[in-house]
């Protein structure tokens, strides 16, 4: 029996794993449905869970913020981006 080797040059790209926190994602979706935007409380709560309490890893928070980015209004984007950079550099 002949076993063929694996051809890695076919253009296979392994998908990046994202660890999105479901609690914060659902909360952002609910806020968006009710208000059309996420709130400062949502951002502050996520930041506290990462920086102060360590309940969420930095990688999980970054993936969650990337997933929630579509729920942020243009007016709130500056605050969102500054918090994103803060968590990334924490």
PDB file of N, CA and C in Angstrom:
ATOM      1  N   UNK A   1       0.841  -1.162   0.000  1.00  0.00           N
ATOM      2  CA  UNK A   1       0.000   0.000   0.000  1.00  0.00           C
ATOM      3  C   UNK A   1       0.895   1.236   0.000  1.00  0.00           C
ATOM      4  N   UNK A   2       0.593   2.162  -0.883  1.00  0.00           N
ATOM      5  CA  UNK A   2       1.374   3.385  -0.992  1.00  0.00           C
ATOM      6  C   UNK A   2       0.588   4.540  -0.368  1.00  0.00           C
ATOM      7  N   UNK A   3       1.250   5.304   0.467  1.00  0.00           N
ATOM      8  CA  UNK A   3       0.621   6.451   1.116  1.00  0.00           C
ATOM      9  C   UNK A   3       1.200   7.708   0.491  1.00  0.00           C
ATOM     10  N   UNK A   4       0.320   8.521  -0.041  1.00  0.00           N
ATOM     11  CA  UNK A   4       0.747   9.759  -0.682  1.00  0.00           C
ATOM     12  C   UNK A   4       1.015  10.824   0.370  1.00  0.00           C
ATOM     13  N   UNK A   5       2.011  11.650   0.115  1.00  0.00           N
ATOM     14  CA  UNK A   5       2.337  12.739   1.021  1.00  0.00           C
ATOM     15  C   UNK A   5       1.329  13.868   0.930  1.00  0.00           C
ATOM     16  N   UNK A   6       1.338  14.707   1.899  1.00  0.00           N
ATOM     17  CA  UNK A   6       0.436  15.854   1.926  1.00  0.00           C
ATOM     18  C   UNK A   6       1.055  16.984   1.127  1.00  0.00           C
ATOM     19  N   UNK A   7       0.286  17.537   0.222  1.00  0.00           N
ATOM     20  CA  UNK A   7       0.747  18.642  -0.603  1.00  0.00           C
ATOM     21  C   UNK A   7       0.335  19.953   0.064  1.00  0.00           C
ATOM     22  N   UNK A   8       1.304  20.653   0.645  1.00  0.00           N
ATOM     23  CA  UNK A   8       1.012  21.906   1.325  1.00  0.00           C
ATOM     24  C   UNK A   8       1.051  23.107   0.388  1.00  0.00           C
ATOM     25  N   UNK A   9       1.370  22.921  -0.839  1.00  0.00           N
ATOM     26  CA  UNK A   9       1.472  24.047  -1.759  1.00  0.00           C
ATOM     27  C   UNK A   9       0.161  24.315  -2.498  1.00  0.00           C
ATOM     28  N   UNK A  10      -0.903  23.728  -2.091  1.00  0.00           N
ATOM     29  CA  UNK A  10      -2.193  23.894  -2.770  1.00  0.00           C
ATOM     30  C   UNK A  10      -2.811  25.246  -2.460  1.00  0.00           C
ATOM     31  N   UNK A  11      -2.309  25.938  -1.486  1.00  0.00           N
ATOM     32  CA  UNK A  11      -2.862  27.235  -1.120  1.00  0.00           C
ATOM     33  C   UNK A  11      -3.707  27.144   0.137  1.00  0.00           C
ATOM     34  N   UNK A  12      -3.516  26.111   0.878  1.00  0.00           N
ATOM     35  CA  UNK A  12      -4.256  25.935   2.120  1.00  0.00           C
ATOM     36  C   UNK A  12      -3.798  26.965   3.130  1.00  0.00           C
ATOM     37  N   UNK A  13      -4.758  27.612   3.735  1.00  0.00           N
ATOM     38  CA  UNK A  13      -4.447  28.575   4.783  1.00  0.00           C
ATOM     39  C   UNK A  13      -5.279  28.217   6.007  1.00  0.00           C
ATOM     40  N   UNK A  14      -4.598  28.030   7.104  1.00  0.00           N
ATOM     41  CA  UNK A  14      -5.290  27.676   8.325  1.00  0.00           C
ATOM     42  C   UNK A  14      -6.042  28.904   8.843  1.00  0.00           C
ATOM     43  N   UNK A  15      -7.331  28.762   9.159  1.00  0.00           N
ATOM     44  CA  UNK A  15      -8.072  29.923   9.652  1.00  0.00           C
ATOM     45  C   UNK A  15      -7.585  30.342  11.036  1.00  0.00           C
ATOM     46  N   UNK A  16      -7.617  31.634  11.267  1.00  0.00           N
ATOM     47  CA  UNK A  16      -7.195  32.154  12.562  1.00  0.00           C
ATOM     48  C   UNK A  16      -8.289  31.868  13.586  1.00  0.00           C
ATOM     49  N   UNK A  17      -7.905  31.361  14.719  1.00  0.00           N
ATOM     50  CA  UNK A  17      -8.854  31.071  15.781  1.00  0.00           C
ATOM     51  C   UNK A  17      -9.214  32.354  16.499  1.00  0.00           C
ATOM     52  N   UNK A  18     -10.496  32.558  16.705  1.00  0.00           N
ATOM     53  CA  UNK A  18     -10.941  33.721  17.442  1.00  0.00           C
ATOM     54  C   UNK A  18     -11.681  33.273  18.684  1.00  0.00           C
ATOM     55  N   UNK A  19     -11.290  33.803  19.806  1.00  0.00           N
ATOM     56  CA  UNK A  19     -11.914  33.466  21.083  1.00  0.00           C
ATOM     57  C   UNK A  19     -12.779  34.639  21.519  1.00  0.00           C
ATOM     58  N   UNK A  20     -13.946  34.755  20.921  1.00  0.00           N
ATOM     59  CA  UNK A  20     -14.841  35.858  21.219  1.00  0.00           C
ATOM     60  C   UNK A  20     -15.627  35.525  22.492  1.00  0.00           C
ATOM     61  N   UNK A  21     -15.633  36.447  23.426  1.00  0.00           N
ATOM     62  CA  UNK A  21     -16.369  36.249  24.667  1.00  0.00           C
ATOM     63  C   UNK A  21     -17.859  36.394  24.375  1.00  0.00           C
ATOM     64  N   UNK A  22     -18.600  35.319  24.551  1.00  0.00           N
ATOM     65  CA  UNK A  22     -20.022  35.279  24.194  1.00  0.00           C
ATOM     66  C   UNK A  22     -20.864  36.209  25.063  1.00  0.00           C
ATOM     67  N   UNK A  23     -20.504  36.362  26.312  1.00  0.00           N
ATOM     68  CA  UNK A  23     -21.247  37.253  27.214  1.00  0.00           C
ATOM     69  C   UNK A  23     -21.226  38.685  26.680  1.00  0.00           C
ATOM     70  N   UNK A  24     -20.049  39.152  26.321  1.00  0.00           N
ATOM     71  CA  UNK A  24     -19.921  40.525  25.837  1.00  0.00           C
ATOM     72  C   UNK A  24     -20.462  40.683  24.417  1.00  0.00           C
ATOM     73  N   UNK A  25     -20.362  39.669  23.608  1.00  0.00           N
ATOM     74  CA  UNK A  25     -20.916  39.737  22.265  1.00  0.00           C
ATOM     75  C   UNK A  25     -22.432  39.852  22.311  1.00  0.00           C
ATOM     76  N   UNK A  26     -23.077  39.022  23.121  1.00  0.00           N
ATOM     77  CA  UNK A  26     -24.545  39.078  23.239  1.00  0.00           C
ATOM     78  C   UNK A  26     -24.998  40.411  23.813  1.00  0.00           C
ATOM     79  N   UNK A  27     -24.275  40.908  24.801  1.00  0.00           N
ATOM     80  CA  UNK A  27     -24.619  42.200  25.393  1.00  0.00           C
ATOM     81  C   UNK A  27     -24.504  43.318  24.353  1.00  0.00           C
ATOM     82  N   UNK A  28     -23.474  43.282  23.528  1.00  0.00           N
ATOM     83  CA  UNK A  28     -23.305  44.291  22.474  1.00  0.00           C
ATOM     84  C   UNK A  28     -24.427  44.197  21.450  1.00  0.00           C
ATOM     85  N   UNK A  29     -24.825  42.988  21.091  1.00  0.00           N
ATOM     86  CA  UNK A  29     -25.929  42.814  20.149  1.00  0.00           C
ATOM     87  C   UNK A  29     -27.232  43.362  20.719  1.00  0.00           C
ATOM     88  N   UNK A  30     -27.478  43.121  22.000  1.00  0.00           N
ATOM     89  CA  UNK A  30     -28.685  43.634  22.643  1.00  0.00           C
ATOM     90  C   UNK A  30     -28.670  45.163  22.703  1.00  0.00           C
ATOM     91  N   UNK A  31     -27.530  45.729  23.053  1.00  0.00           N
ATOM     92  CA  UNK A  31     -27.418  47.182  23.099  1.00  0.00           C
ATOM     93  C   UNK A  31     -27.633  47.789  21.717  1.00  0.00           C
ATOM     94  N   UNK A  32     -27.095  47.144  20.701  1.00  0.00           N
ATOM     95  CA  UNK A  32     -27.250  47.653  19.341  1.00  0.00           C
ATOM     96  C   UNK A  32     -28.711  47.616  18.909  1.00  0.00           C
ATOM     97  N   UNK A  33     -29.410  46.549  19.271  1.00  0.00           N
ATOM     98  CA  UNK A  33     -30.826  46.446  18.916  1.00  0.00           C
ATOM     99  C   UNK A  33     -31.658  47.524  19.607  1.00  0.00           C
ATOM    100  N   UNK A  34     -31.331  47.826  20.866  1.00  0.00           N
ATOM    101  CA  UNK A  34     -32.098  48.811  21.625  1.00  0.00           C
ATOM    102  C   UNK A  34     -31.683  50.246  21.336  1.00  0.00           C
ATOM    103  N   UNK A  35     -30.374  50.486  21.249  1.00  0.00           N
ATOM    104  CA  UNK A  35     -29.876  51.856  21.165  1.00  0.00           C
ATOM    105  C   UNK A  35     -29.224  52.221  19.839  1.00  0.00           C
ATOM    106  N   UNK A  36     -28.848  51.237  19.068  1.00  0.00           N
ATOM    107  CA  UNK A  36     -28.138  51.510  17.827  1.00  0.00           C
ATOM    108  C   UNK A  36     -26.645  51.719  18.023  1.00  0.00           C
ATOM    109  N   UNK A  37     -26.150  51.385  19.216  1.00  0.00           N
ATOM    110  CA  UNK A  37     -24.739  51.593  19.543  1.00  0.00           C
ATOM    111  C   UNK A  37     -24.432  50.838  20.835  1.00  0.00           C
ATOM    112  N   UNK A  38     -23.171  50.552  21.044  1.00  0.00           N
ATOM    113  CA  UNK A  38     -22.778  50.008  22.346  1.00  0.00           C
ATOM    114  C   UNK A  38     -22.555  51.181  23.290  1.00  0.00           C
ATOM    115  N   UNK A  39     -22.549  50.920  24.579  1.00  0.00           N
ATOM    116  CA  UNK A  39     -22.422  52.002  25.551  1.00  0.00           C
ATOM    117  C   UNK A  39     -21.021  52.054  26.143  1.00  0.00           C
ATOM    118  N   UNK A  40     -20.742  53.165  26.796  1.00  0.00           N
ATOM    119  CA  UNK A  40     -19.464  53.321  27.485  1.00  0.00           C
ATOM    120  C   UNK A  40     -19.353  52.324  28.633  1.00  0.00           C
ATOM    121  N   UNK A  41     -20.480  51.978  29.230  1.00  0.00           N
ATOM    122  CA  UNK A  41     -20.473  50.976  30.304  1.00  0.00           C
ATOM    123  C   UNK A  41     -19.987  49.625  29.795  1.00  0.00           C
ATOM    124  N   UNK A  42     -20.381  49.268  28.576  1.00  0.00           N
ATOM    125  CA  UNK A  42     -19.939  48.002  27.974  1.00  0.00           C
ATOM    126  C   UNK A  42     -18.420  48.012  27.820  1.00  0.00           C
ATOM    127  N   UNK A  43     -17.897  49.100  27.292  1.00  0.00           N
ATOM    128  CA  UNK A  43     -16.451  49.218  27.071  1.00  0.00           C
ATOM    129  C   UNK A  43     -15.701  49.191  28.403  1.00  0.00           C
ATOM    130  N   UNK A  44     -16.210  49.927  29.374  1.00  0.00           N
ATOM    131  CA  UNK A  44     -15.563  49.985  30.684  1.00  0.00           C
ATOM    132  C   UNK A  44     -15.597  48.624  31.382  1.00  0.00           C
ATOM    133  N   UNK A  45     -16.701  47.925  31.266  1.00  0.00           N
ATOM    134  CA  UNK A  45     -16.830  46.613  31.896  1.00  0.00           C
ATOM    135  C   UNK A  45     -15.839  45.615  31.292  1.00  0.00           C
ATOM    136  N   UNK A  46     -15.721  45.628  29.969  1.00  0.00           N
ATOM    137  CA  UNK A  46     -14.766  44.748  29.299  1.00  0.00           C
ATOM    138  C   UNK A  46     -13.335  45.088  29.719  1.00  0.00           C
ATOM    139  N   UNK A  47     -13.028  46.360  29.754  1.00  0.00           N
ATOM    140  CA  UNK A  47     -11.691  46.801  30.155  1.00  0.00           C
ATOM    141  C   UNK A  47     -11.373  46.365  31.583  1.00  0.00           C
ATOM    142  N   UNK A  48     -12.341  46.523  32.477  1.00  0.00           N
ATOM    143  CA  UNK A  48     -12.134  46.105  33.870  1.00  0.00           C
ATOM    144  C   UNK A  48     -11.898  44.609  33.976  1.00  0.00           C
ATOM    145  N   UNK A  49     -12.662  43.815  33.222  1.00  0.00           N
ATOM    146  CA  UNK A  49     -12.493  42.363  33.273  1.00  0.00           C
ATOM    147  C   UNK A  49     -11.132  41.917  32.752  1.00  0.00           C
ATOM    148  N   UNK A  50     -10.543  42.699  31.866  1.00  0.00           N
ATOM    149  CA  UNK A  50      -9.229  42.349  31.327  1.00  0.00           C
ATOM    150  C   UNK A  50      -8.121  42.880  32.225  1.00  0.00           C
ATOM    151  N   UNK A  51      -8.138  44.162  32.483  1.00  0.00           N
ATOM    152  CA  UNK A  51      -7.018  44.824  33.145  1.00  0.00           C
ATOM    153  C   UNK A  51      -7.049  44.646  34.670  1.00  0.00           C
ATOM    154  N   UNK A  52      -8.186  44.873  35.284  1.00  0.00           N
ATOM    155  CA  UNK A  52      -8.249  44.836  36.747  1.00  0.00           C
ATOM    156  C   UNK A  52      -8.417  43.438  37.320  1.00  0.00           C
ATOM    157  N   UNK A  53      -9.372  42.699  36.768  1.00  0.00           N
ATOM    158  CA  UNK A  53      -9.725  41.412  37.359  1.00  0.00           C
ATOM    159  C   UNK A  53      -9.060  40.218  36.692  1.00  0.00           C
ATOM    160  N   UNK A  54      -8.657  40.345  35.452  1.00  0.00           N
ATOM    161  CA  UNK A  54      -8.026  39.238  34.742  1.00  0.00           C
ATOM    162  C   UNK A  54      -8.979  38.106  34.410  1.00  0.00           C
ATOM    163  N   UNK A  55     -10.287  38.395  34.403  1.00  0.00           N
ATOM    164  CA  UNK A  55     -11.280  37.369  34.090  1.00  0.00           C
ATOM    165  C   UNK A  55     -11.265  36.986  32.612  1.00  0.00           C
ATOM    166  N   UNK A  56     -10.824  37.908  31.770  1.00  0.00           N
ATOM    167  CA  UNK A  56     -10.765  37.682  30.329  1.00  0.00           C
ATOM    168  C   UNK A  56      -9.334  37.953  29.884  1.00  0.00           C
ATOM    169  N   UNK A  57      -8.809  37.090  29.027  1.00  0.00           N
ATOM    170  CA  UNK A  57      -7.458  37.319  28.529  1.00  0.00           C
ATOM    171  C   UNK A  57      -7.454  38.477  27.536  1.00  0.00           C
ATOM    172  N   UNK A  58      -6.288  39.051  27.360  1.00  0.00           N
ATOM    173  CA  UNK A  58      -6.133  40.167  26.429  1.00  0.00           C
ATOM    174  C   UNK A  58      -6.506  39.742  25.011  1.00  0.00           C
ATOM    175  N   UNK A  59      -6.104  38.556  24.607  1.00  0.00           N
ATOM    176  CA  UNK A  59      -6.413  38.039  23.269  1.00  0.00           C
ATOM    177  C   UNK A  59      -7.924  37.890  23.073  1.00  0.00           C
ATOM    178  N   UNK A  60      -8.612  37.357  24.089  1.00  0.00           N
ATOM    179  CA  UNK A  60     -10.062  37.212  24.004  1.00  0.00           C
ATOM    180  C   UNK A  60     -10.746  38.575  23.888  1.00  0.00           C
ATOM    181  N   UNK A  61     -10.265  39.540  24.637  1.00  0.00           N
ATOM    182  CA  UNK A  61     -10.844  40.882  24.590  1.00  0.00           C
ATOM    183  C   UNK A  61     -10.629  41.525  23.221  1.00  0.00           C
ATOM    184  N   UNK A  62      -9.456  41.352  22.663  1.00  0.00           N
ATOM    185  CA  UNK A  62      -9.170  41.917  21.340  1.00  0.00           C
ATOM    186  C   UNK A  62     -10.062  41.273  20.278  1.00  0.00           C
ATOM    187  N   UNK A  63     -10.202  39.941  20.334  1.00  0.00           N
ATOM    188  CA  UNK A  63     -11.078  39.250  19.382  1.00  0.00           C
ATOM    189  C   UNK A  63     -12.532  39.679  19.555  1.00  0.00           C
ATOM    190  N   UNK A  64     -12.949  39.875  20.801  1.00  0.00           N
ATOM    191  CA  UNK A  64     -14.318  40.311  21.070  1.00  0.00           C
ATOM    192  C   UNK A  64     -14.544  41.717  20.529  1.00  0.00           C
ATOM    193  N   UNK A  65     -13.589  42.596  20.753  1.00  0.00           N
ATOM    194  CA  UNK A  65     -13.741  43.966  20.259  1.00  0.00           C
ATOM    195  C   UNK A  65     -13.750  44.009  18.733  1.00  0.00           C
ATOM    196  N   UNK A  66     -12.969  43.161  18.101  1.00  0.00           N
ATOM    197  CA  UNK A  66     -13.007  43.102  16.632  1.00  0.00           C
ATOM    198  C   UNK A  66     -14.358  42.602  16.135  1.00  0.00           C
ATOM    199  N   UNK A  67     -14.956  41.663  16.854  1.00  0.00           N
ATOM    200  CA  UNK A  67     -16.265  41.137  16.459  1.00  0.00           C
ATOM    201  C   UNK A  67     -17.369  42.158  16.690  1.00  0.00           C
ATOM    202  N   UNK A  68     -17.208  43.007  17.686  1.00  0.00           N
ATOM    203  CA  UNK A  68     -18.237  43.982  18.057  1.00  0.00           C
ATOM    204  C   UNK A  68     -18.082  45.287  17.284  1.00  0.00           C
ATOM    205  N   UNK A  69     -16.983  45.466  16.621  1.00  0.00           N
ATOM    206  CA  UNK A  69     -16.694  46.720  15.903  1.00  0.00           C
ATOM    207  C   UNK A  69     -17.844  47.166  15.000  1.00  0.00           C
ATOM    208  N   UNK A  70     -18.575  46.232  14.432  1.00  0.00           N
ATOM    209  CA  UNK A  70     -19.680  46.577  13.518  1.00  0.00           C
ATOM    210  C   UNK A  70     -20.865  47.201  14.248  1.00  0.00           C
ATOM    211  N   UNK A  71     -20.918  47.079  15.566  1.00  0.00           N
ATOM    212  CA  UNK A  71     -22.005  47.656  16.355  1.00  0.00           C
ATOM    213  C   UNK A  71     -21.683  49.044  16.899  1.00  0.00           C
ATOM    214  N   UNK A  72     -20.512  49.553  16.608  1.00  0.00           N
ATOM    215  CA  UNK A  72     -20.079  50.848  17.128  1.00  0.00           C
ATOM    216  C   UNK A  72     -20.425  51.940  16.115  1.00  0.00           C
ATOM    217  N   UNK A  73     -21.072  52.999  16.605  1.00  0.00           N
ATOM    218  CA  UNK A  73     -21.414  54.108  15.722  1.00  0.00           C
ATOM    219  C   UNK A  73     -20.167  54.933  15.410  1.00  0.00           C
ATOM    220  N   UNK A  74     -20.276  55.746  14.395  1.00  0.00           N
ATOM    221  CA  UNK A  74     -19.139  56.584  14.004  1.00  0.00           C
ATOM    222  C   UNK A  74     -18.760  57.563  15.106  1.00  0.00           C
ATOM    223  N   UNK A  75     -19.760  58.041  15.845  1.00  0.00           N
ATOM    224  CA  UNK A  75     -19.501  58.994  16.919  1.00  0.00           C
ATOM    225  C   UNK A  75     -18.706  58.360  18.060  1.00  0.00           C
ATOM    226  N   UNK A  76     -18.895  57.077  18.282  1.00  0.00           N
ATOM    227  CA  UNK A  76     -18.223  56.384  19.393  1.00  0.00           C
ATOM    228  C   UNK A  76     -16.935  55.694  18.981  1.00  0.00           C
ATOM    229  N   UNK A  77     -16.601  55.746  17.719  1.00  0.00           N
ATOM    230  CA  UNK A  77     -15.457  54.983  17.219  1.00  0.00           C
ATOM    231  C   UNK A  77     -14.134  55.444  17.825  1.00  0.00           C
ATOM    232  N   UNK A  78     -13.965  56.741  18.083  1.00  0.00           N
ATOM    233  CA  UNK A  78     -12.706  57.224  18.671  1.00  0.00           C
ATOM    234  C   UNK A  78     -12.476  56.633  20.059  1.00  0.00           C
ATOM    235  N   UNK A  79     -13.518  56.641  20.887  1.00  0.00           N
ATOM    236  CA  UNK A  79     -13.396  56.070  22.234  1.00  0.00           C
ATOM    237  C   UNK A  79     -13.160  54.566  22.155  1.00  0.00           C
ATOM    238  N   UNK A  80     -13.838  53.929  21.226  1.00  0.00           N
ATOM    239  CA  UNK A  80     -13.674  52.491  21.046  1.00  0.00           C
ATOM    240  C   UNK A  80     -12.246  52.157  20.640  1.00  0.00           C
ATOM    241  N   UNK A  81     -11.705  52.898  19.688  1.00  0.00           N
ATOM    242  CA  UNK A  81     -10.339  52.660  19.202  1.00  0.00           C
ATOM    243  C   UNK A  81      -9.301  52.927  20.287  1.00  0.00           C
ATOM    244  N   UNK A  82      -9.500  53.970  21.084  1.00  0.00           N
ATOM    245  CA  UNK A  82      -8.523  54.253  22.144  1.00  0.00           C
ATOM    246  C   UNK A  82      -8.550  53.158  23.205  1.00  0.00           C
ATOM    247  N   UNK A  83      -9.730  52.634  23.513  1.00  0.00           N
ATOM    248  CA  UNK A  83      -9.823  51.518  24.458  1.00  0.00           C
ATOM    249  C   UNK A  83      -9.202  50.264  23.862  1.00  0.00           C
ATOM    250  N   UNK A  84      -9.421  50.039  22.582  1.00  0.00           N
ATOM    251  CA  UNK A  84      -8.836  48.892  21.896  1.00  0.00           C
ATOM    252  C   UNK A  84      -7.310  48.937  21.995  1.00  0.00           C
ATOM    253  N   UNK A  85      -6.729  50.092  21.726  1.00  0.00           N
ATOM    254  CA  UNK A  85      -5.269  50.254  21.821  1.00  0.00           C
ATOM    255  C   UNK A  85      -4.775  50.078  23.255  1.00  0.00           C
ATOM    256  N   UNK A  86      -5.561  50.582  24.227  1.00  0.00           N
ATOM    257  CA  UNK A  86      -5.189  50.448  25.626  1.00  0.00           C
ATOM    258  C   UNK A  86      -5.130  48.985  26.034  1.00  0.00           C
ATOM    259  N   UNK A  87      -6.154  48.226  25.657  1.00  0.00           N
ATOM    260  CA  UNK A  87      -6.179  46.793  26.006  1.00  0.00           C
ATOM    261  C   UNK A  87      -5.061  46.047  25.279  1.00  0.00           C
ATOM    262  N   UNK A  88      -4.839  46.406  24.032  1.00  0.00           N
ATOM    263  CA  UNK A  88      -3.792  45.734  23.250  1.00  0.00           C
ATOM    264  C   UNK A  88      -2.414  45.946  23.856  1.00  0.00           C
ATOM    265  N   UNK A  89      -2.188  47.124  24.418  1.00  0.00           N
ATOM    266  CA  UNK A  89      -0.875  47.445  24.989  1.00  0.00           C
ATOM    267  C   UNK A  89      -0.784  47.169  26.483  1.00  0.00           C
ATOM    268  N   UNK A  90      -1.864  46.689  27.080  1.00  0.00           N
ATOM    269  CA  UNK A  90      -1.871  46.443  28.535  1.00  0.00           C
ATOM    270  C   UNK A  90      -0.968  45.276  28.891  1.00  0.00           C
TER     271      UNK A  90
END
